[in-house]
Structure formats: C-alpha cells, structure tokens
Amino acid sequence: MPGYRTLLSTVEGGVAVITLNRPAQRNAVGDGMRHELADALTRYDTDDAVRAIVLTGAPPAFCAGADLGAGEQTFTAPGDGFSAAGFPVPAWTLNKPVIAAVNGHAIGLGLTLALQCDIRFFAADAKYGIVQVRRGVVGDA
C-alpha cells in the first residue's frame, strides 16, 4: 500500500483496516482525504488477500465532516478538488463488504461516509448527525 498523508492502513487475517488519520481535526475530510480514501478502497477491493474492509477513525472521532478550517473561504473560494459531496468511490460500489466502526463523532459528511458502508457499528458513546450551516450559523438540520 502506498503511504497516505491522511490515512493509516493495515491488512491482517484477510481484513483491511483503513483509519482516517487527522485526529487534530477530528478526522475532518480535507487535505486530499477524499482521493486517498478512494484509492485505498479501490486497491483493497482488487486485492485477493483482502476479504473485508473496516473503516474507522483515529481517536477521538470517526469523522467530524468536511474540514471547515478555512472558515468562510471553505465555500466562497474552496479551491481545486473541494467537495462536500459524498466520496468518489462510495463503499456500496465495492465487491467486498465495508464495515464502519464508528468510534466517536460522525457528523455531516462523516455520517454520510458511515452510511455508505454495508454494515455500521457505533460505539455506545458515539455521536452522529447532520448539521445545517447557514450564514455562519450552525443549527440542527
């Protein structure tokens, strides 16, 4: 497997584990994560040594959604490759089962990612939901 900036990955006993690895940002999707995740999922789906894929997040969160670190610029001048849409390779398109191990917050795009998996396991203390952002105000959807 190639080295990724935003992911950790291992294979043991036929199970690939992909860990979203931006813990300081609560694994928010940014810094090329969408494309790295698409690459990792595609590679493991075609690897005969892999029978299933587990997707999780480095503590303290599964995925806190899209990286909004750029503030207002996130949406007014998002730059090349930004998308708050789903992922280029949805888990449901793969031939192998993808299991979400939700170990903390799964908010917005993070919940979308978990819902795209074939099976989802949520920790007892996991928090999940969709957040609506309008004119700088964050509220419940």
N, C-alpha and C. Protein backbone atom coordinates (compact mmCIF):
# COMPACT_ATOMS: atom_id res chain seq x y z
N MET A 1 0.84 -1.18 0.00
CA MET A 1 0.00 0.00 0.00
C MET A 1 0.88 1.24 0.00
N PRO A 2 0.52 2.22 -0.78
CA PRO A 2 1.30 3.46 -0.76
C PRO A 2 1.11 4.18 0.57
N GLY A 3 2.04 5.07 0.89
CA GLY A 3 1.88 5.87 2.10
C GLY A 3 0.87 6.98 1.86
N TYR A 4 0.01 7.18 2.81
CA TYR A 4 -1.00 8.24 2.72
C TYR A 4 -0.73 9.29 3.78
N ARG A 5 -1.11 10.53 3.50
CA ARG A 5 -0.98 11.61 4.47
C ARG A 5 -2.12 11.60 5.49
N THR A 6 -3.31 11.15 5.06
CA THR A 6 -4.50 11.29 5.90
C THR A 6 -5.09 9.96 6.35
N LEU A 7 -4.45 8.87 5.99
CA LEU A 7 -4.97 7.54 6.32
C LEU A 7 -3.87 6.66 6.89
N LEU A 8 -4.26 5.72 7.73
CA LEU A 8 -3.41 4.60 8.12
C LEU A 8 -4.10 3.35 7.58
N SER A 9 -3.33 2.36 7.19
CA SER A 9 -3.97 1.14 6.70
C SER A 9 -3.12 -0.08 7.02
N THR A 10 -3.82 -1.17 7.34
CA THR A 10 -3.17 -2.44 7.64
C THR A 10 -4.04 -3.56 7.07
N VAL A 11 -3.41 -4.72 6.88
CA VAL A 11 -4.14 -5.92 6.50
C VAL A 11 -3.66 -7.04 7.41
N GLU A 12 -4.62 -7.72 8.03
CA GLU A 12 -4.28 -8.85 8.89
C GLU A 12 -5.42 -9.85 8.83
N GLY A 13 -5.09 -11.10 8.55
CA GLY A 13 -6.10 -12.16 8.52
C GLY A 13 -7.19 -11.91 7.49
N GLY A 14 -6.86 -11.30 6.37
CA GLY A 14 -7.83 -11.05 5.32
C GLY A 14 -8.70 -9.81 5.52
N VAL A 15 -8.45 -9.07 6.61
CA VAL A 15 -9.24 -7.87 6.91
C VAL A 15 -8.35 -6.64 6.76
N ALA A 16 -8.76 -5.74 5.89
CA ALA A 16 -8.06 -4.46 5.74
C ALA A 16 -8.72 -3.46 6.69
N VAL A 17 -7.91 -2.72 7.40
CA VAL A 17 -8.42 -1.66 8.28
C VAL A 17 -7.88 -0.34 7.75
N ILE A 18 -8.80 0.55 7.41
CA ILE A 18 -8.44 1.89 6.98
C ILE A 18 -8.85 2.84 8.10
N THR A 19 -7.90 3.61 8.60
CA THR A 19 -8.17 4.55 9.69
C THR A 19 -7.99 5.97 9.17
N LEU A 20 -9.05 6.77 9.27
CA LEU A 20 -8.95 8.19 8.95
C LEU A 20 -8.01 8.78 9.99
N ASN A 21 -6.98 9.50 9.54
CA ASN A 21 -5.92 9.88 10.47
C ASN A 21 -5.60 11.38 10.41
N ARG A 22 -6.55 12.17 10.84
CA ARG A 22 -6.34 13.61 11.06
C ARG A 22 -6.93 13.94 12.43
N PRO A 23 -6.42 13.32 13.50
CA PRO A 23 -7.07 13.44 14.81
C PRO A 23 -7.15 14.87 15.33
N ALA A 24 -6.18 15.72 15.01
CA ALA A 24 -6.24 17.11 15.48
C ALA A 24 -7.44 17.85 14.89
N GLN A 25 -7.89 17.40 13.72
CA GLN A 25 -9.08 17.98 13.06
C GLN A 25 -10.29 17.07 13.24
N ARG A 26 -10.20 16.15 14.16
CA ARG A 26 -11.26 15.16 14.40
C ARG A 26 -11.61 14.40 13.11
N ASN A 27 -10.55 14.14 12.32
CA ASN A 27 -10.65 13.38 11.07
C ASN A 27 -11.59 14.02 10.06
N ALA A 28 -11.68 15.35 10.11
CA ALA A 28 -12.48 16.07 9.12
C ALA A 28 -11.90 15.83 7.73
N VAL A 29 -12.76 15.74 6.75
CA VAL A 29 -12.35 15.43 5.38
C VAL A 29 -11.72 16.66 4.76
N GLY A 30 -10.44 16.56 4.47
CA GLY A 30 -9.67 17.64 3.85
C GLY A 30 -8.28 17.13 3.57
N ASP A 31 -7.44 17.99 3.03
CA ASP A 31 -6.03 17.66 2.78
C ASP A 31 -5.88 16.42 1.90
N GLY A 32 -6.80 16.26 0.94
CA GLY A 32 -6.71 15.14 0.00
C GLY A 32 -7.30 13.84 0.49
N MET A 33 -7.98 13.84 1.63
CA MET A 33 -8.51 12.60 2.19
C MET A 33 -9.48 11.90 1.25
N ARG A 34 -10.34 12.66 0.56
CA ARG A 34 -11.34 12.04 -0.33
C ARG A 34 -10.64 11.16 -1.37
N HIS A 35 -9.58 11.68 -1.98
CA HIS A 35 -8.91 10.93 -3.04
C HIS A 35 -8.06 9.79 -2.47
N GLU A 36 -7.45 10.00 -1.32
CA GLU A 36 -6.69 8.92 -0.69
C GLU A 36 -7.61 7.77 -0.29
N LEU A 37 -8.77 8.10 0.26
CA LEU A 37 -9.72 7.07 0.65
C LEU A 37 -10.23 6.31 -0.57
N ALA A 38 -10.52 7.01 -1.64
CA ALA A 38 -10.95 6.35 -2.89
C ALA A 38 -9.87 5.40 -3.38
N ASP A 39 -8.62 5.83 -3.32
CA ASP A 39 -7.51 4.98 -3.76
C ASP A 39 -7.39 3.74 -2.87
N ALA A 40 -7.43 3.93 -1.56
CA ALA A 40 -7.29 2.79 -0.64
C ALA A 40 -8.44 1.80 -0.81
N LEU A 41 -9.66 2.28 -0.90
CA LEU A 41 -10.80 1.39 -1.08
C LEU A 41 -10.69 0.60 -2.38
N THR A 42 -10.30 1.27 -3.45
CA THR A 42 -10.17 0.61 -4.75
C THR A 42 -9.07 -0.44 -4.72
N ARG A 43 -7.94 -0.10 -4.11
CA ARG A 43 -6.83 -1.06 -4.02
C ARG A 43 -7.22 -2.31 -3.22
N TYR A 44 -7.85 -2.10 -2.06
CA TYR A 44 -8.24 -3.25 -1.24
C TYR A 44 -9.34 -4.06 -1.90
N ASP A 45 -10.20 -3.42 -2.65
CA ASP A 45 -11.28 -4.14 -3.32
C ASP A 45 -10.73 -5.09 -4.38
N THR A 46 -9.59 -4.75 -4.96
CA THR A 46 -9.00 -5.60 -6.01
C THR A 46 -7.90 -6.52 -5.48
N ASP A 47 -7.61 -6.46 -4.18
CA ASP A 47 -6.57 -7.28 -3.57
C ASP A 47 -7.18 -8.61 -3.13
N ASP A 48 -6.72 -9.70 -3.73
CA ASP A 48 -7.27 -11.02 -3.40
C ASP A 48 -6.99 -11.46 -1.97
N ALA A 49 -6.01 -10.85 -1.32
CA ALA A 49 -5.70 -11.20 0.07
C ALA A 49 -6.69 -10.56 1.05
N VAL A 50 -7.48 -9.62 0.58
CA VAL A 50 -8.43 -8.91 1.44
C VAL A 50 -9.83 -9.45 1.19
N ARG A 51 -10.51 -9.80 2.28
CA ARG A 51 -11.88 -10.33 2.17
C ARG A 51 -12.93 -9.35 2.67
N ALA A 52 -12.51 -8.40 3.52
CA ALA A 52 -13.42 -7.38 4.05
C ALA A 52 -12.60 -6.14 4.42
N ILE A 53 -13.28 -4.99 4.46
CA ILE A 53 -12.62 -3.72 4.77
C ILE A 53 -13.34 -3.09 5.96
N VAL A 54 -12.57 -2.67 6.96
CA VAL A 54 -13.11 -1.95 8.11
C VAL A 54 -12.63 -0.51 7.99
N LEU A 55 -13.56 0.42 8.15
CA LEU A 55 -13.25 1.85 8.09
C LEU A 55 -13.52 2.45 9.46
N THR A 56 -12.52 3.13 10.03
CA THR A 56 -12.66 3.74 11.34
C THR A 56 -11.91 5.06 11.38
N GLY A 57 -11.91 5.71 12.51
CA GLY A 57 -11.20 6.98 12.67
C GLY A 57 -10.24 6.93 13.83
N ALA A 58 -9.14 7.68 13.70
CA ALA A 58 -8.20 7.80 14.82
C ALA A 58 -8.91 8.56 15.94
N PRO A 59 -8.81 8.10 17.18
CA PRO A 59 -9.48 8.79 18.27
C PRO A 59 -9.08 10.28 18.29
N PRO A 60 -9.99 11.15 18.61
CA PRO A 60 -11.22 10.95 19.36
C PRO A 60 -12.49 10.88 18.51
N ALA A 61 -12.39 10.79 17.19
CA ALA A 61 -13.61 10.84 16.37
C ALA A 61 -13.52 9.88 15.20
N PHE A 62 -14.67 9.52 14.68
CA PHE A 62 -14.73 8.79 13.41
C PHE A 62 -14.45 9.79 12.29
N CYS A 63 -15.33 10.77 12.12
CA CYS A 63 -15.14 11.82 11.12
C CYS A 63 -16.10 12.96 11.42
N ALA A 64 -15.54 14.15 11.64
CA ALA A 64 -16.34 15.32 12.00
C ALA A 64 -16.88 16.06 10.79
N GLY A 65 -16.87 15.43 9.61
CA GLY A 65 -17.44 16.06 8.42
C GLY A 65 -16.39 16.74 7.57
N ALA A 66 -16.84 17.69 6.76
CA ALA A 66 -15.94 18.44 5.89
C ALA A 66 -15.07 19.36 6.75
N ASP A 67 -13.82 19.52 6.37
CA ASP A 67 -12.91 20.40 7.09
C ASP A 67 -13.30 21.84 6.81
N LEU A 68 -13.77 22.53 7.84
CA LEU A 68 -14.20 23.91 7.71
C LEU A 68 -13.15 24.87 8.26
N GLY A 69 -11.91 24.40 8.34
CA GLY A 69 -10.82 25.19 8.90
C GLY A 69 -10.56 26.49 8.17
N ALA A 70 -10.95 26.58 6.91
CA ALA A 70 -10.73 27.80 6.14
C ALA A 70 -11.83 28.83 6.40
N GLY A 71 -12.75 28.52 7.31
CA GLY A 71 -13.83 29.45 7.64
C GLY A 71 -14.71 29.72 6.43
N GLU A 72 -15.05 30.97 6.23
CA GLU A 72 -15.92 31.38 5.13
C GLU A 72 -15.35 30.98 3.77
N GLN A 73 -14.03 30.96 3.67
CA GLN A 73 -13.36 30.59 2.41
C GLN A 73 -13.65 29.15 2.00
N THR A 74 -14.05 28.32 2.94
CA THR A 74 -14.34 26.92 2.64
C THR A 74 -15.33 26.81 1.49
N PHE A 75 -16.34 27.68 1.48
CA PHE A 75 -17.38 27.60 0.46
C PHE A 75 -17.31 28.74 -0.56
N THR A 76 -16.77 29.90 -0.19
CA THR A 76 -16.72 31.02 -1.13
C THR A 76 -15.55 30.90 -2.10
N ALA A 77 -14.45 30.31 -1.67
CA ALA A 77 -13.28 30.09 -2.54
C ALA A 77 -12.66 28.75 -2.17
N PRO A 78 -13.37 27.65 -2.46
CA PRO A 78 -12.95 26.36 -1.94
C PRO A 78 -11.67 25.79 -2.53
N GLY A 79 -11.24 26.24 -3.67
CA GLY A 79 -10.04 25.71 -4.28
C GLY A 79 -10.33 24.43 -5.05
N ASP A 80 -9.33 24.00 -5.79
CA ASP A 80 -9.48 22.80 -6.64
C ASP A 80 -9.70 21.56 -5.80
N GLY A 81 -10.60 20.74 -6.24
CA GLY A 81 -10.81 19.45 -5.63
C GLY A 81 -11.69 19.44 -4.40
N PHE A 82 -12.16 20.61 -3.92
CA PHE A 82 -13.01 20.60 -2.74
C PHE A 82 -14.40 20.11 -3.10
N SER A 83 -14.97 19.30 -2.24
CA SER A 83 -16.35 18.88 -2.40
C SER A 83 -16.89 18.47 -1.04
N ALA A 84 -18.09 18.94 -0.74
CA ALA A 84 -18.77 18.49 0.47
C ALA A 84 -19.74 17.38 0.10
N ALA A 85 -19.65 16.91 -1.13
CA ALA A 85 -20.49 15.80 -1.59
C ALA A 85 -19.93 14.49 -1.05
N GLY A 86 -20.57 13.40 -1.39
CA GLY A 86 -20.09 12.09 -0.97
C GLY A 86 -18.71 11.80 -1.52
N PHE A 87 -18.28 10.61 -1.41
CA PHE A 87 -16.92 10.24 -1.78
C PHE A 87 -16.87 9.69 -3.21
N PRO A 88 -15.74 9.88 -3.90
CA PRO A 88 -15.64 9.45 -5.30
C PRO A 88 -15.89 7.95 -5.50
N VAL A 89 -15.56 7.14 -4.51
CA VAL A 89 -15.80 5.71 -4.58
C VAL A 89 -16.67 5.34 -3.38
N PRO A 90 -18.00 5.40 -3.53
CA PRO A 90 -18.86 5.01 -2.41
C PRO A 90 -18.64 3.55 -2.04
N ALA A 91 -18.64 3.27 -0.75
CA ALA A 91 -18.37 1.91 -0.28
C ALA A 91 -19.33 0.90 -0.87
N TRP A 92 -20.58 1.30 -1.13
CA TRP A 92 -21.56 0.33 -1.64
C TRP A 92 -21.25 -0.12 -3.07
N THR A 93 -20.32 0.55 -3.76
CA THR A 93 -19.97 0.14 -5.13
C THR A 93 -18.90 -0.94 -5.15
N LEU A 94 -18.32 -1.26 -4.01
CA LEU A 94 -17.24 -2.24 -3.96
C LEU A 94 -17.79 -3.66 -3.93
N ASN A 95 -16.97 -4.60 -4.33
CA ASN A 95 -17.36 -6.01 -4.31
C ASN A 95 -17.22 -6.62 -2.92
N LYS A 96 -16.35 -6.05 -2.10
CA LYS A 96 -16.11 -6.59 -0.76
C LYS A 96 -16.91 -5.80 0.26
N PRO A 97 -17.31 -6.43 1.35
CA PRO A 97 -18.06 -5.70 2.37
C PRO A 97 -17.18 -4.66 3.06
N VAL A 98 -17.79 -3.51 3.31
CA VAL A 98 -17.11 -2.43 4.03
C VAL A 98 -17.88 -2.18 5.32
N ILE A 99 -17.17 -2.24 6.43
CA ILE A 99 -17.77 -2.12 7.75
C ILE A 99 -17.29 -0.82 8.39
N ALA A 100 -18.23 0.03 8.79
CA ALA A 100 -17.88 1.26 9.50
C ALA A 100 -17.83 0.95 10.99
N ALA A 101 -16.70 1.24 11.62
CA ALA A 101 -16.55 1.11 13.06
C ALA A 101 -16.50 2.54 13.61
N VAL A 102 -17.67 3.06 13.97
CA VAL A 102 -17.81 4.47 14.35
C VAL A 102 -17.47 4.60 15.83
N ASN A 103 -16.34 5.22 16.09
CA ASN A 103 -15.76 5.29 17.43
C ASN A 103 -15.79 6.69 18.02
N GLY A 104 -16.70 7.51 17.62
CA GLY A 104 -16.77 8.88 18.13
C GLY A 104 -17.73 9.66 17.24
N HIS A 105 -17.48 10.94 17.09
CA HIS A 105 -18.37 11.77 16.28
C HIS A 105 -18.36 11.33 14.81
N ALA A 106 -19.57 11.25 14.23
CA ALA A 106 -19.77 11.05 12.78
C ALA A 106 -20.79 12.11 12.38
N ILE A 107 -20.30 13.26 11.98
CA ILE A 107 -21.15 14.42 11.74
C ILE A 107 -21.11 14.79 10.27
N GLY A 108 -22.25 15.16 9.71
CA GLY A 108 -22.32 15.63 8.33
C GLY A 108 -21.73 14.63 7.35
N LEU A 109 -20.68 15.03 6.67
CA LEU A 109 -20.02 14.16 5.70
C LEU A 109 -19.49 12.88 6.35
N GLY A 110 -19.15 12.95 7.64
CA GLY A 110 -18.72 11.76 8.37
C GLY A 110 -19.83 10.74 8.51
N LEU A 111 -21.05 11.21 8.75
CA LEU A 111 -22.20 10.30 8.82
C LEU A 111 -22.49 9.75 7.43
N THR A 112 -22.37 10.60 6.41
CA THR A 112 -22.55 10.13 5.04
C THR A 112 -21.60 8.98 4.74
N LEU A 113 -20.35 9.13 5.15
CA LEU A 113 -19.35 8.07 4.93
C LEU A 113 -19.76 6.78 5.63
N ALA A 114 -20.20 6.87 6.87
CA ALA A 114 -20.62 5.68 7.60
C ALA A 114 -21.84 5.03 6.94
N LEU A 115 -22.78 5.84 6.50
CA LEU A 115 -24.00 5.30 5.88
C LEU A 115 -23.73 4.64 4.54
N GLN A 116 -22.64 5.01 3.87
CA GLN A 116 -22.29 4.38 2.60
C GLN A 116 -21.73 2.97 2.79
N CYS A 117 -21.36 2.63 4.00
CA CYS A 117 -20.79 1.30 4.28
C CYS A 117 -21.91 0.26 4.35
N ASP A 118 -21.53 -1.00 4.15
CA ASP A 118 -22.51 -2.09 4.14
C ASP A 118 -23.05 -2.37 5.54
N ILE A 119 -22.19 -2.26 6.55
CA ILE A 119 -22.56 -2.52 7.94
C ILE A 119 -21.96 -1.41 8.78
N ARG A 120 -22.69 -0.98 9.81
CA ARG A 120 -22.20 0.08 10.69
C ARG A 120 -22.31 -0.38 12.14
N PHE A 121 -21.22 -0.22 12.87
CA PHE A 121 -21.21 -0.44 14.31
C PHE A 121 -20.85 0.88 14.97
N PHE A 122 -21.72 1.35 15.87
CA PHE A 122 -21.49 2.60 16.57
C PHE A 122 -21.13 2.30 18.02
N ALA A 123 -20.08 2.94 18.52
CA ALA A 123 -19.73 2.82 19.94
C ALA A 123 -20.88 3.39 20.76
N ALA A 124 -21.03 2.90 21.97
CA ALA A 124 -22.13 3.34 22.84
C ALA A 124 -22.12 4.85 23.06
N ASP A 125 -20.94 5.47 23.05
CA ASP A 125 -20.86 6.91 23.27
C ASP A 125 -20.68 7.70 21.98
N ALA A 126 -20.88 7.07 20.83
CA ALA A 126 -20.74 7.78 19.54
C ALA A 126 -21.83 8.83 19.40
N LYS A 127 -21.48 9.90 18.73
CA LYS A 127 -22.43 10.98 18.43
C LYS A 127 -22.50 11.09 16.91
N TYR A 128 -23.71 11.18 16.38
CA TYR A 128 -23.84 11.27 14.94
C TYR A 128 -25.02 12.15 14.57
N GLY A 129 -24.92 12.77 13.40
CA GLY A 129 -25.99 13.63 12.95
C GLY A 129 -25.58 14.47 11.76
N ILE A 130 -26.53 15.25 11.28
CA ILE A 130 -26.33 16.16 10.17
C ILE A 130 -26.42 17.56 10.73
N VAL A 131 -25.56 18.44 10.28
CA VAL A 131 -25.55 19.82 10.74
C VAL A 131 -25.85 20.72 9.55
N GLN A 132 -26.69 21.71 9.77
CA GLN A 132 -27.03 22.67 8.73
C GLN A 132 -26.27 23.96 9.02
N VAL A 133 -25.55 24.47 8.02
CA VAL A 133 -24.82 25.72 8.17
C VAL A 133 -25.46 26.75 7.26
N ARG A 134 -25.86 27.89 7.83
CA ARG A 134 -26.40 28.96 7.01
C ARG A 134 -25.93 30.30 7.55
N ARG A 135 -25.36 31.07 6.68
CA ARG A 135 -24.87 32.42 7.01
C ARG A 135 -24.11 32.46 8.33
N GLY A 136 -23.21 31.49 8.48
CA GLY A 136 -22.37 31.47 9.66
C GLY A 136 -23.02 30.95 10.92
N VAL A 137 -24.26 30.51 10.83
CA VAL A 137 -24.96 29.99 11.99
C VAL A 137 -25.06 28.48 11.85
N VAL A 138 -24.65 27.76 12.84
CA VAL A 138 -24.75 26.31 12.82
C VAL A 138 -25.97 25.92 13.64
N GLY A 139 -26.81 25.07 13.06
CA GLY A 139 -28.00 24.62 13.78
C GLY A 139 -28.34 23.21 13.42
N ASP A 140 -29.35 22.67 14.09
CA ASP A 140 -29.79 21.32 13.78
C ASP A 140 -30.49 21.30 12.43
N ALA A 141 -30.32 20.19 11.72
CA ALA A 141 -30.98 20.03 10.42
C ALA A 141 -32.41 19.61 10.63
